[in-house]
Each structure stands twice: as C-alpha cells, then as structure tokens.
Amino acid sequence: MLLSLSFLTMLLSIFYLIVLEKHIKSWPYLLKPGTMVVIILIGIMGVGNSPSTYSWWILAGLLFSILGDIFLMLPKDRFVYGLVSFLVGHICYIVAFLSFPGSGEVNSWITGALLVVAILYLLKLSKGVLNSGGISLFLPVTGYVAIITTMVWVAFYTQQPLMIAGAILFFFSDAILAWDRFIGKLTYRNYLVMIPYYLAQYLFAISLH
C-alpha cells in the first residue's frame, strides 16, 4: 500500500507540473491539493502503526500545508493567508522535531551558517517585499523566514536524515518561491518550487513509518 501511494504521489506531482506548463486552468485546482492528500494518507498510515506526539504534529503540519496550498492557488491573491498557514505548519513541524526522542546538539557551524543564510536572504528580499506590501507585508515575511530557519535548525537537532533532508528541501522551495515573487521571475520556477516541496512533505510523511 505504501509503495502504491508513493507511486501515486509521484504520478500526480508530474501531472501537476505538466498542466502548469501547458497552462490548463482547471486541473491544477485538483492536482495540487490532491497530491498533498495522498501524502497525508501516507502519514496517516504511519500514525496507525505507532501513534506518538511526533506523528500527530507532523500530520498537523501536513494539514496546514495543504491549507496554504489552497490559499496560494486561489484566483484572488491570498498570499498572506497562505503565508500564515505555512508558518503554522512549520511551527507544527518544529514541535514535532522537538518531541522526537534521542535528539542531540547542533554543530555551531551549522547554526552560524543558517543564521547567515537567513539574514542575507531576508536582506535580498526586503526591497521587493517592501515595494509589494510595505511594512505590513515585510513583518510577516520576516517572521516566516525566522520560523522556517528555526525549523531547519531543529531538524538538524533530531539528527535524523529524513527530517534534515525534508527541512532543507522545504527551505529551498520557499526561497525559490519568494525570489520569483519579490526579486525576479525564474524560468523553471514551477519545477524548482514544487519538486523539492513535494519531496519535503513526502519525507516528513514517510518518517512516520
């Protein structure tokens, strides 16, 4: 069953990218959240095997993520609503990672590197964000960068490869999305955003097994 759902996740994500490239307007509304529904089912299967605080928080993060997906794909701009949904999702992942047993310390070099990347990227985004929505948009974007960077740091704290890889992929996906929105349009934006995004969510779901 897990293998079948994993294959279905891959299939739906590929179809989603195809319809985006061909500018088919109706199918993305089904395929984008549909892919996440399958990933959530994979997570639910894992919870059934061994329910824990970690697994319930991961599921909560997945649910807020699909809510964020829906907000971001609506015809009318709901960027801030999507941002807040994903922010809450990242907080759920942070709580999940902190509840994972057997966690350890994070190398100070990793901590420093994450801080430098986050600060430099926020500075790079700042002009475009302020031009788009002023300080009222800059503050939630700053909060989001802080939270997702914390999520990556806590993933390293777990010392679990699946969580670390998923968190880094999520960070990369969001960084590309923000670059495309606030700095400049990217040719392969859909691939650079969605492939790491779905991989990240899949890794979080598969970590429950």
Protein backbone atom coordinates (compact mmCIF):
# COMPACT_ATOMS: atom_id res chain seq x y z
CA MET A 1 0.00 0.00 0.00
CA LEU A 2 2.82 2.40 0.89
CA LEU A 3 4.53 1.71 -2.42
CA SER A 4 1.29 2.30 -4.34
CA LEU A 5 0.63 5.62 -2.58
CA SER A 6 4.24 6.68 -3.14
CA PHE A 7 3.90 5.95 -6.85
CA LEU A 8 0.59 7.83 -6.94
CA THR A 9 2.25 10.84 -5.27
CA MET A 10 4.93 10.88 -7.95
CA LEU A 11 2.37 10.47 -10.74
CA LEU A 12 0.10 13.27 -9.51
CA SER A 13 3.01 15.66 -8.98
CA ILE A 14 4.25 15.01 -12.52
CA PHE A 15 0.76 15.60 -13.96
CA TYR A 16 0.52 18.80 -11.93
CA LEU A 17 3.76 20.14 -13.41
CA ILE A 18 2.63 19.17 -16.92
CA VAL A 19 -0.70 21.01 -16.67
CA LEU A 20 1.09 24.06 -15.26
CA GLU A 21 3.45 24.14 -18.24
CA LYS A 22 0.56 23.71 -20.67
CA HIS A 23 -1.48 26.41 -18.87
CA ILE A 24 -4.50 24.16 -18.35
CA LYS A 25 -6.50 26.26 -15.91
CA SER A 26 -8.83 23.82 -14.15
CA TRP A 27 -6.66 20.76 -13.41
CA PRO A 28 -4.17 22.43 -11.02
CA TYR A 29 -7.01 23.04 -8.55
CA LEU A 30 -7.44 19.27 -8.32
CA LEU A 31 -3.87 18.04 -8.72
CA LYS A 32 -2.01 20.37 -6.33
CA PRO A 33 -4.07 19.64 -3.19
CA GLY A 34 -4.74 16.12 -4.47
CA THR A 35 -1.04 15.29 -4.31
CA MET A 36 -0.92 16.53 -0.73
CA VAL A 37 -3.99 14.46 0.17
CA VAL A 38 -2.12 11.31 -0.91
CA ILE A 39 0.95 12.38 1.09
CA ILE A 40 -1.28 12.92 4.13
CA LEU A 41 -2.73 9.42 3.64
CA ILE A 42 0.83 8.08 3.71
CA GLY A 43 1.34 9.91 7.00
CA ILE A 44 -1.94 8.59 8.43
CA MET A 45 -0.84 5.05 7.64
CA GLY A 46 2.29 5.66 9.68
CA VAL A 47 0.32 7.07 12.63
CA GLY A 48 -1.76 3.90 12.64
CA ASN A 49 1.41 1.85 13.08
CA SER A 50 2.79 3.78 16.06
CA PRO A 51 0.86 6.88 17.19
CA SER A 52 3.01 9.39 19.06
CA THR A 53 3.28 13.10 19.79
CA TYR A 54 5.73 13.37 16.91
CA SER A 55 3.37 11.76 14.40
CA TRP A 56 0.34 13.87 15.36
CA TRP A 57 2.31 17.11 15.00
CA ILE A 58 3.69 16.02 11.62
CA LEU A 59 0.12 15.33 10.47
CA ALA A 60 -0.95 18.76 11.72
CA GLY A 61 1.90 20.33 9.73
CA LEU A 62 0.79 18.49 6.60
CA LEU A 63 -2.81 19.67 7.07
CA PHE A 64 -1.80 23.32 7.45
CA SER A 65 0.41 22.92 4.38
CA ILE A 66 -2.49 21.80 2.21
CA LEU A 67 -4.46 24.77 3.52
CA GLY A 68 -1.58 27.02 2.48
CA ASP A 69 -1.55 25.39 -0.95
CA ILE A 70 -5.23 26.17 -1.43
CA PHE A 71 -4.82 29.82 -0.40
CA LEU A 72 -1.85 30.33 -2.75
CA MET A 73 -3.63 28.91 -5.77
CA LEU A 74 -6.86 30.91 -5.44
CA PRO A 75 -7.53 33.36 -8.30
CA LYS A 76 -7.67 36.30 -5.87
CA ASP A 77 -4.35 36.96 -4.14
CA ARG A 78 -4.34 35.27 -0.73
CA PHE A 79 -0.57 35.34 -0.24
CA VAL A 80 -0.63 36.43 3.40
CA TYR A 81 -3.23 33.77 4.27
CA GLY A 82 -1.07 31.16 2.58
CA LEU A 83 2.00 32.51 4.35
CA VAL A 84 0.31 32.26 7.75
CA SER A 85 -0.94 28.73 7.02
CA PHE A 86 2.55 27.53 6.13
CA LEU A 87 4.00 29.40 9.10
CA VAL A 88 1.68 27.48 11.43
CA GLY A 89 2.62 24.30 9.57
CA HIS A 90 6.31 24.97 10.22
CA ILE A 91 5.58 25.57 13.89
CA CYS A 92 3.88 22.15 13.96
CA TYR A 93 6.99 20.60 12.40
CA ILE A 94 9.20 22.37 14.95
CA VAL A 95 7.13 20.94 17.81
CA ALA A 96 7.24 17.51 16.17
CA PHE A 97 11.01 17.57 15.80
CA LEU A 98 11.48 18.76 19.37
CA SER A 99 9.35 15.85 20.59
CA PHE A 100 11.43 13.29 18.70
CA PRO A 101 13.33 11.03 21.12
CA GLY A 102 17.09 10.79 21.13
CA SER A 103 17.86 14.22 19.72
CA GLY A 104 21.26 15.84 20.21
CA GLU A 105 23.24 19.03 19.77
CA VAL A 106 23.58 21.06 16.57
CA ASN A 107 27.06 21.93 15.34
CA SER A 108 27.81 25.61 15.90
CA TRP A 109 28.96 25.94 12.29
CA ILE A 110 25.55 24.77 11.08
CA THR A 111 23.82 27.22 13.41
CA GLY A 112 26.00 30.06 12.16
CA ALA A 113 25.52 29.11 8.51
CA LEU A 114 21.73 29.02 8.88
CA LEU A 115 21.71 32.45 10.54
CA VAL A 116 23.90 33.98 7.82
CA VAL A 117 21.80 32.48 5.01
CA ALA A 118 18.54 33.64 6.60
CA ILE A 119 19.75 37.20 7.24
CA LEU A 120 21.34 37.64 3.80
CA TYR A 121 18.29 36.23 2.05
CA LEU A 122 15.92 38.46 4.00
CA LEU A 123 18.04 41.47 3.10
CA LYS A 124 17.89 40.42 -0.55
CA LEU A 125 14.10 40.09 -0.38
CA SER A 126 13.49 43.28 1.60
CA LYS A 127 13.29 45.76 -1.29
CA GLY A 128 10.82 43.67 -3.27
CA VAL A 129 8.72 42.86 -0.21
CA LEU A 130 8.52 46.50 0.88
CA ASN A 131 7.62 47.59 -2.66
CA SER A 132 4.90 44.93 -2.84
CA GLY A 133 3.19 45.46 0.50
CA GLY A 134 5.18 47.80 2.72
CA ILE A 135 5.97 47.09 6.34
CA SER A 136 2.67 45.22 6.80
CA LEU A 137 3.98 42.53 4.44
CA PHE A 138 7.64 42.77 5.46
CA LEU A 139 6.91 41.84 9.09
CA PRO A 140 5.09 38.53 8.35
CA VAL A 141 7.72 37.64 5.73
CA THR A 142 10.45 38.29 8.31
CA GLY A 143 8.60 36.11 10.81
CA TYR A 144 8.23 33.39 8.22
CA VAL A 145 11.95 33.40 7.39
CA ALA A 146 12.73 33.17 11.12
CA ILE A 147 10.34 30.25 11.63
CA ILE A 148 11.40 28.20 8.62
CA THR A 149 15.06 28.72 9.52
CA THR A 150 14.26 27.52 13.04
CA MET A 151 12.52 24.51 11.53
CA VAL A 152 15.67 23.59 9.61
CA TRP A 153 17.82 24.07 12.75
CA VAL A 154 15.52 21.85 14.82
CA ALA A 155 15.61 19.23 12.05
CA PHE A 156 19.39 19.09 12.49
CA TYR A 157 18.76 18.77 16.24
CA THR A 158 16.90 15.49 15.63
CA GLN A 159 19.95 14.03 13.83
CA GLN A 160 17.50 12.18 11.54
CA PRO A 161 18.46 12.25 7.83
CA LEU A 162 14.84 12.20 6.56
CA MET A 163 13.87 15.21 8.67
CA ILE A 164 17.03 17.14 7.82
CA ALA A 165 16.63 16.49 4.09
CA GLY A 166 12.92 17.39 4.20
CA ALA A 167 13.55 20.64 6.07
CA ILE A 168 16.33 21.73 3.70
CA LEU A 169 14.18 20.93 0.66
CA PHE A 170 11.29 22.91 2.15
CA PHE A 171 13.57 25.89 2.81
CA PHE A 172 14.90 25.74 -0.76
CA SER A 173 11.39 25.54 -2.23
CA ASP A 174 10.18 28.55 -0.24
CA ALA A 175 13.34 30.51 -1.07
CA ILE A 176 12.73 29.99 -4.80
CA LEU A 177 9.06 30.94 -4.42
CA ALA A 178 9.98 34.16 -2.62
CA TRP A 179 12.70 35.00 -5.16
CA ASP A 180 10.24 34.57 -8.03
CA ARG A 181 7.62 36.73 -6.33
CA PHE A 182 9.74 39.55 -4.90
CA ILE A 183 13.02 39.68 -6.85
CA GLY A 184 12.58 38.38 -10.39
CA LYS A 185 10.73 35.79 -12.41
CA LEU A 186 12.50 32.45 -12.80
CA THR A 187 12.22 30.36 -15.98
CA TYR A 188 11.94 26.99 -14.23
CA ARG A 189 10.08 28.31 -11.22
CA ASN A 190 7.40 25.58 -11.14
CA TYR A 191 9.97 22.77 -11.12
CA LEU A 192 12.28 24.48 -8.63
CA VAL A 193 9.42 25.15 -6.21
CA MET A 194 7.18 22.10 -6.49
CA ILE A 195 9.65 19.21 -6.81
CA PRO A 196 11.53 19.99 -3.55
CA TYR A 197 8.23 20.93 -1.88
CA TYR A 198 6.56 17.59 -2.59
CA LEU A 199 9.76 15.72 -1.75
CA ALA A 200 9.95 17.52 1.60
CA GLN A 201 6.36 16.73 2.52
CA TYR A 202 6.76 13.14 1.37
CA LEU A 203 9.87 12.70 3.54
CA PHE A 204 8.03 14.10 6.56
CA ALA A 205 5.12 11.70 5.93
CA ILE A 206 7.40 8.71 5.33
CA SER A 207 9.25 9.43 8.58
CA LEU A 208 6.13 8.23 10.40
CA HIS A 209 6.69 4.67 9.14
